[in-house]
Amino acid sequence: MALSSSFIGHFFAFSPLVLGVLIYAVTYVAKRKETVTGTPIGQSFACANCGRRGVREHMLAQAHGGAVSWYCTNCAGH
């Protein structure tokens, strides 16, 4: 059985589309149940007193005059 030039032309015309959809579907199925853990990049806060960096849950906020300053637990107690 010989392959016609028309069949070969259609095969190579649609193969990138089929492969792209297949890769997208496999990636979607593999990643759909993942959850984000940890702190996103750039979401840490610096202590206004000593400069130590930490996530928001480990910092204490103090509002004064409409501004908010973040302090680490060591500096907030002093």
N, C-alpha and C. Protein backbone atom coordinates (compact mmCIF):
# COMPACT_ATOMS: atom_id res chain seq x y z
N MET A 1 0.84 -1.17 0.00
CA MET A 1 0.00 0.00 0.00
C MET A 1 0.89 1.24 0.00
N ALA A 2 0.76 2.06 -0.98
CA ALA A 2 1.58 3.26 -1.13
C ALA A 2 0.84 4.45 -0.53
N LEU A 3 1.59 5.34 0.06
CA LEU A 3 1.01 6.55 0.62
C LEU A 3 0.96 7.62 -0.46
N SER A 4 -0.18 8.23 -0.58
CA SER A 4 -0.32 9.28 -1.60
C SER A 4 0.31 10.58 -1.10
N SER A 5 0.67 11.41 -2.01
CA SER A 5 1.26 12.70 -1.64
C SER A 5 0.24 13.58 -0.93
N SER A 6 -1.03 13.41 -1.23
CA SER A 6 -2.08 14.17 -0.56
C SER A 6 -2.15 13.79 0.92
N PHE A 7 -2.07 12.49 1.21
CA PHE A 7 -2.11 12.03 2.60
C PHE A 7 -0.90 12.53 3.38
N ILE A 8 0.27 12.47 2.77
CA ILE A 8 1.50 12.94 3.43
C ILE A 8 1.42 14.44 3.68
N GLY A 9 0.90 15.18 2.74
CA GLY A 9 0.74 16.62 2.91
C GLY A 9 -0.21 16.97 4.04
N HIS A 10 -1.35 16.27 4.12
CA HIS A 10 -2.29 16.52 5.21
C HIS A 10 -1.71 16.10 6.56
N PHE A 11 -0.98 15.00 6.58
CA PHE A 11 -0.37 14.53 7.83
C PHE A 11 0.59 15.57 8.39
N PHE A 12 1.48 16.08 7.56
CA PHE A 12 2.45 17.06 8.03
C PHE A 12 1.83 18.43 8.25
N ALA A 13 0.69 18.71 7.65
CA ALA A 13 0.02 19.98 7.87
C ALA A 13 -0.65 20.02 9.24
N PHE A 14 -1.24 18.91 9.68
CA PHE A 14 -1.99 18.89 10.92
C PHE A 14 -1.21 18.32 12.11
N SER A 15 -0.05 17.73 11.89
CA SER A 15 0.69 17.13 12.99
C SER A 15 1.14 18.15 14.05
N PRO A 16 1.59 19.36 13.70
CA PRO A 16 1.96 20.32 14.77
C PRO A 16 0.76 20.70 15.64
N LEU A 17 -0.40 20.86 15.04
CA LEU A 17 -1.60 21.19 15.80
C LEU A 17 -1.98 20.05 16.73
N VAL A 18 -1.97 18.83 16.23
CA VAL A 18 -2.33 17.68 17.04
C VAL A 18 -1.34 17.49 18.18
N LEU A 19 -0.04 17.61 17.89
CA LEU A 19 0.96 17.46 18.93
C LEU A 19 0.86 18.58 19.97
N GLY A 20 0.58 19.79 19.55
CA GLY A 20 0.43 20.90 20.48
C GLY A 20 -0.74 20.70 21.42
N VAL A 21 -1.88 20.28 20.87
CA VAL A 21 -3.05 20.01 21.70
C VAL A 21 -2.78 18.85 22.65
N LEU A 22 -2.10 17.83 22.19
CA LEU A 22 -1.77 16.68 23.03
C LEU A 22 -0.84 17.09 24.18
N ILE A 23 0.18 17.88 23.91
CA ILE A 23 1.09 18.34 24.96
C ILE A 23 0.35 19.22 25.96
N TYR A 24 -0.50 20.11 25.47
CA TYR A 24 -1.28 20.97 26.36
C TYR A 24 -2.19 20.15 27.25
N ALA A 25 -2.87 19.15 26.71
CA ALA A 25 -3.79 18.32 27.48
C ALA A 25 -3.05 17.52 28.55
N VAL A 26 -1.91 16.94 28.20
CA VAL A 26 -1.14 16.17 29.18
C VAL A 26 -0.63 17.08 30.29
N THR A 27 -0.15 18.27 29.96
CA THR A 27 0.33 19.22 30.96
C THR A 27 -0.81 19.67 31.87
N TYR A 28 -1.96 19.93 31.32
CA TYR A 28 -3.12 20.35 32.11
C TYR A 28 -3.52 19.26 33.09
N VAL A 29 -3.60 18.02 32.64
CA VAL A 29 -3.99 16.92 33.52
C VAL A 29 -2.95 16.72 34.62
N ALA A 30 -1.68 16.88 34.31
CA ALA A 30 -0.63 16.67 35.30
C ALA A 30 -0.60 17.79 36.34
N LYS A 31 -0.91 19.02 35.97
CA LYS A 31 -0.76 20.17 36.86
C LYS A 31 -2.04 20.64 37.53
N ARG A 32 -3.18 20.11 37.20
CA ARG A 32 -4.44 20.69 37.67
C ARG A 32 -4.66 20.53 39.17
N LYS A 33 -4.06 19.56 39.82
CA LYS A 33 -4.28 19.34 41.25
C LYS A 33 -3.18 19.94 42.12
N GLU A 34 -2.19 20.61 41.54
CA GLU A 34 -1.11 21.18 42.32
C GLU A 34 -1.59 22.40 43.08
N THR A 35 -1.04 22.58 44.27
CA THR A 35 -1.34 23.76 45.06
C THR A 35 -0.05 24.54 45.27
N VAL A 36 -0.20 25.82 45.47
CA VAL A 36 0.96 26.68 45.70
C VAL A 36 1.27 26.63 47.18
N THR A 37 2.50 26.30 47.51
CA THR A 37 2.92 26.28 48.91
C THR A 37 4.08 27.24 49.07
N GLY A 38 4.20 27.76 50.27
CA GLY A 38 5.31 28.67 50.54
C GLY A 38 4.96 30.10 50.18
N THR A 39 5.94 30.93 50.28
CA THR A 39 5.77 32.35 50.01
C THR A 39 6.12 32.63 48.56
N PRO A 40 5.24 33.31 47.84
CA PRO A 40 5.59 33.69 46.47
C PRO A 40 6.81 34.62 46.47
N ILE A 41 7.53 34.59 45.39
CA ILE A 41 8.72 35.43 45.27
C ILE A 41 8.33 36.90 45.41
N GLY A 42 9.06 37.61 46.22
CA GLY A 42 8.80 39.04 46.40
C GLY A 42 7.76 39.34 47.46
N GLN A 43 7.28 38.37 48.24
CA GLN A 43 6.27 38.61 49.24
C GLN A 43 6.82 38.56 50.66
N SER A 44 8.05 38.95 50.85
CA SER A 44 8.59 39.03 52.20
C SER A 44 8.64 40.50 52.61
N PHE A 45 8.68 40.72 53.93
CA PHE A 45 8.68 42.08 54.46
C PHE A 45 9.95 42.29 55.27
N ALA A 46 10.48 43.50 55.25
CA ALA A 46 11.67 43.83 56.02
C ALA A 46 11.26 44.56 57.29
N CYS A 47 11.93 44.23 58.39
CA CYS A 47 11.68 44.90 59.66
C CYS A 47 12.09 46.36 59.53
N ALA A 48 11.25 47.28 60.05
CA ALA A 48 11.54 48.71 59.96
C ALA A 48 12.68 49.11 60.88
N ASN A 49 13.00 48.26 61.86
CA ASN A 49 14.06 48.60 62.81
C ASN A 49 15.40 47.97 62.44
N CYS A 50 15.43 46.64 62.30
CA CYS A 50 16.71 45.96 62.08
C CYS A 50 16.92 45.51 60.63
N GLY A 51 15.87 45.47 59.82
CA GLY A 51 16.01 45.09 58.41
C GLY A 51 15.88 43.61 58.15
N ARG A 52 15.66 42.80 59.19
CA ARG A 52 15.50 41.36 59.00
C ARG A 52 14.26 41.09 58.15
N ARG A 53 14.39 40.17 57.20
CA ARG A 53 13.28 39.87 56.30
C ARG A 53 12.51 38.66 56.80
N GLY A 54 11.19 38.69 56.59
CA GLY A 54 10.35 37.57 56.98
C GLY A 54 9.02 37.64 56.28
N VAL A 55 8.27 36.55 56.37
CA VAL A 55 6.94 36.51 55.77
C VAL A 55 5.99 37.31 56.65
N ARG A 56 4.87 37.70 56.10
CA ARG A 56 3.93 38.57 56.80
C ARG A 56 3.40 37.94 58.09
N GLU A 57 3.25 36.62 58.11
CA GLU A 57 2.73 35.96 59.29
C GLU A 57 3.68 36.05 60.48
N HIS A 58 4.98 36.28 60.23
CA HIS A 58 5.96 36.38 61.30
C HIS A 58 6.32 37.82 61.65
N MET A 59 5.64 38.77 61.03
CA MET A 59 5.91 40.18 61.29
C MET A 59 4.71 40.81 61.99
N LEU A 60 4.95 41.87 62.73
CA LEU A 60 3.90 42.60 63.42
C LEU A 60 3.77 43.98 62.79
N ALA A 61 2.55 44.35 62.45
CA ALA A 61 2.30 45.64 61.81
C ALA A 61 1.98 46.69 62.86
N GLN A 62 2.49 47.90 62.65
CA GLN A 62 2.15 49.03 63.49
C GLN A 62 1.79 50.18 62.57
N ALA A 63 0.55 50.66 62.71
CA ALA A 63 0.06 51.75 61.87
C ALA A 63 0.27 53.07 62.61
N HIS A 64 0.77 54.06 61.88
CA HIS A 64 0.96 55.40 62.44
C HIS A 64 0.82 56.41 61.33
N GLY A 65 -0.19 57.26 61.50
CA GLY A 65 -0.42 58.33 60.53
C GLY A 65 -0.79 57.84 59.15
N GLY A 66 -1.46 56.71 59.02
CA GLY A 66 -1.87 56.18 57.73
C GLY A 66 -0.83 55.27 57.09
N ALA A 67 0.37 55.24 57.64
CA ALA A 67 1.42 54.37 57.11
C ALA A 67 1.51 53.12 57.99
N VAL A 68 1.97 52.03 57.40
CA VAL A 68 2.13 50.78 58.14
C VAL A 68 3.59 50.39 58.12
N SER A 69 4.12 50.13 59.31
CA SER A 69 5.50 49.65 59.44
C SER A 69 5.45 48.22 59.95
N TRP A 70 6.34 47.40 59.42
CA TRP A 70 6.40 46.00 59.82
C TRP A 70 7.62 45.78 60.69
N TYR A 71 7.44 45.10 61.81
CA TYR A 71 8.51 44.80 62.75
C TYR A 71 8.60 43.30 62.99
N CYS A 72 9.83 42.80 63.13
CA CYS A 72 10.01 41.39 63.47
C CYS A 72 9.64 41.21 64.94
N THR A 73 9.51 39.97 65.37
CA THR A 73 9.08 39.71 66.75
C THR A 73 10.15 40.17 67.75
N ASN A 74 11.42 40.18 67.37
CA ASN A 74 12.47 40.65 68.28
C ASN A 74 12.35 42.16 68.51
N CYS A 75 12.13 42.94 67.46
CA CYS A 75 12.09 44.39 67.58
C CYS A 75 10.74 44.90 68.09
N ALA A 76 9.67 44.17 67.89
CA ALA A 76 8.35 44.62 68.30
C ALA A 76 8.22 44.61 69.81
N GLY A 77 8.94 43.73 70.49
CA GLY A 77 8.85 43.67 71.95
C GLY A 77 9.67 44.72 72.65
N HIS A 78 10.57 45.40 71.98
CA HIS A 78 11.45 46.38 72.61
C HIS A 78 10.86 47.76 72.57
